[in-house]
Protein backbone atom coordinates (compact mmCIF):
# COMPACT_ATOMS: atom_id res chain seq x y z
CA UNK A 1 -56.35 68.42 -43.68
CA UNK A 2 -53.01 70.22 -43.45
CA UNK A 3 -49.40 69.11 -43.61
CA UNK A 4 -46.44 70.84 -41.97
CA UNK A 5 -43.28 70.78 -44.13
CA UNK A 6 -39.92 71.75 -42.61
CA UNK A 7 -36.73 72.13 -44.67
CA UNK A 8 -33.34 72.34 -42.97
CA UNK A 9 -30.49 72.21 -45.47
CA UNK A 10 -30.90 68.94 -47.37
CA UNK A 11 -33.36 67.47 -44.85
CA UNK A 12 -37.09 67.78 -45.55
CA UNK A 13 -39.59 66.49 -43.00
CA UNK A 14 -43.36 66.24 -43.40
CA UNK A 15 -45.45 66.19 -40.22
CA UNK A 16 -49.18 65.68 -39.95
CA UNK A 17 -51.86 65.59 -41.11
CA UNK A 18 -53.59 68.16 -38.94
CA UNK A 19 -57.31 68.98 -39.07
CA UNK A 20 -56.65 72.75 -39.14
CA UNK A 21 -53.77 75.16 -39.88
CA UNK A 22 -54.01 76.39 -36.28
CA UNK A 23 -53.25 72.93 -34.95
CA UNK A 24 -50.28 72.66 -37.34
CA UNK A 25 -48.91 76.01 -36.19
CA UNK A 26 -49.49 75.05 -32.53
CA UNK A 27 -47.31 71.97 -33.09
CA UNK A 28 -44.63 73.95 -34.96
CA UNK A 29 -42.56 74.83 -31.87
CA UNK A 30 -42.29 71.17 -30.86
CA UNK A 31 -41.31 70.12 -34.39
CA UNK A 32 -38.71 72.88 -34.81
CA UNK A 33 -36.86 71.79 -31.64
CA UNK A 34 -35.10 69.08 -33.68
CA UNK A 35 -33.97 71.49 -36.44
CA UNK A 36 -31.43 74.32 -36.68
CA UNK A 37 -32.45 77.96 -36.34
CA UNK A 38 -32.19 78.34 -40.13
CA UNK A 39 -34.97 75.84 -40.85
CA UNK A 40 -37.78 77.02 -43.13
CA UNK A 41 -41.35 75.80 -42.75
CA UNK A 42 -44.70 75.88 -44.56
CA UNK A 43 -48.20 74.65 -43.87
CA UNK A 44 -49.82 73.02 -46.90
CA UNK A 45 -53.49 72.28 -47.43
CA UNK A 46 -53.97 68.67 -48.52
CA UNK A 47 -56.47 68.23 -51.34
CA UNK A 48 -58.42 65.21 -52.40
CA UNK A 49 -56.88 63.83 -55.64
CA UNK A 50 -60.31 63.78 -57.30
CA UNK A 51 -60.52 67.58 -57.04
CA UNK A 52 -57.17 68.13 -58.76
CA UNK A 53 -56.75 68.48 -62.51
CA UNK A 54 -54.54 66.02 -64.37
CA UNK A 55 -51.63 68.48 -64.57
CA UNK A 56 -51.90 69.23 -60.83
CA UNK A 57 -51.86 65.49 -60.02
CA UNK A 58 -48.76 64.97 -62.19
CA UNK A 59 -47.03 67.93 -60.53
CA UNK A 60 -47.93 66.63 -57.05
CA UNK A 61 -46.71 63.13 -57.91
CA UNK A 62 -43.43 64.46 -59.33
CA UNK A 63 -42.93 66.60 -56.23
CA UNK A 64 -43.47 63.59 -53.99
CA UNK A 65 -40.97 61.59 -56.05
CA UNK A 66 -38.40 64.40 -55.74
CA UNK A 67 -38.86 64.52 -51.95
CA UNK A 68 -38.48 60.75 -51.71
CA UNK A 69 -35.25 60.90 -53.71
CA UNK A 70 -33.78 63.56 -51.37
């Protein structure tokens, strides 16, 4: 599964999940319509938490907490 992340200034939006990166990129034009021309985007592969090491899980959790606080 893949997640599309778009940052536009202080706004971060997560869209998905998508079954493939192609489907995420196909949906990108529709998603970017609601953002400025300066918006940055990335497609992230979602991983099962069981496959991540402890440090990777902590980093992912802290990242999610930082996004939620934004």
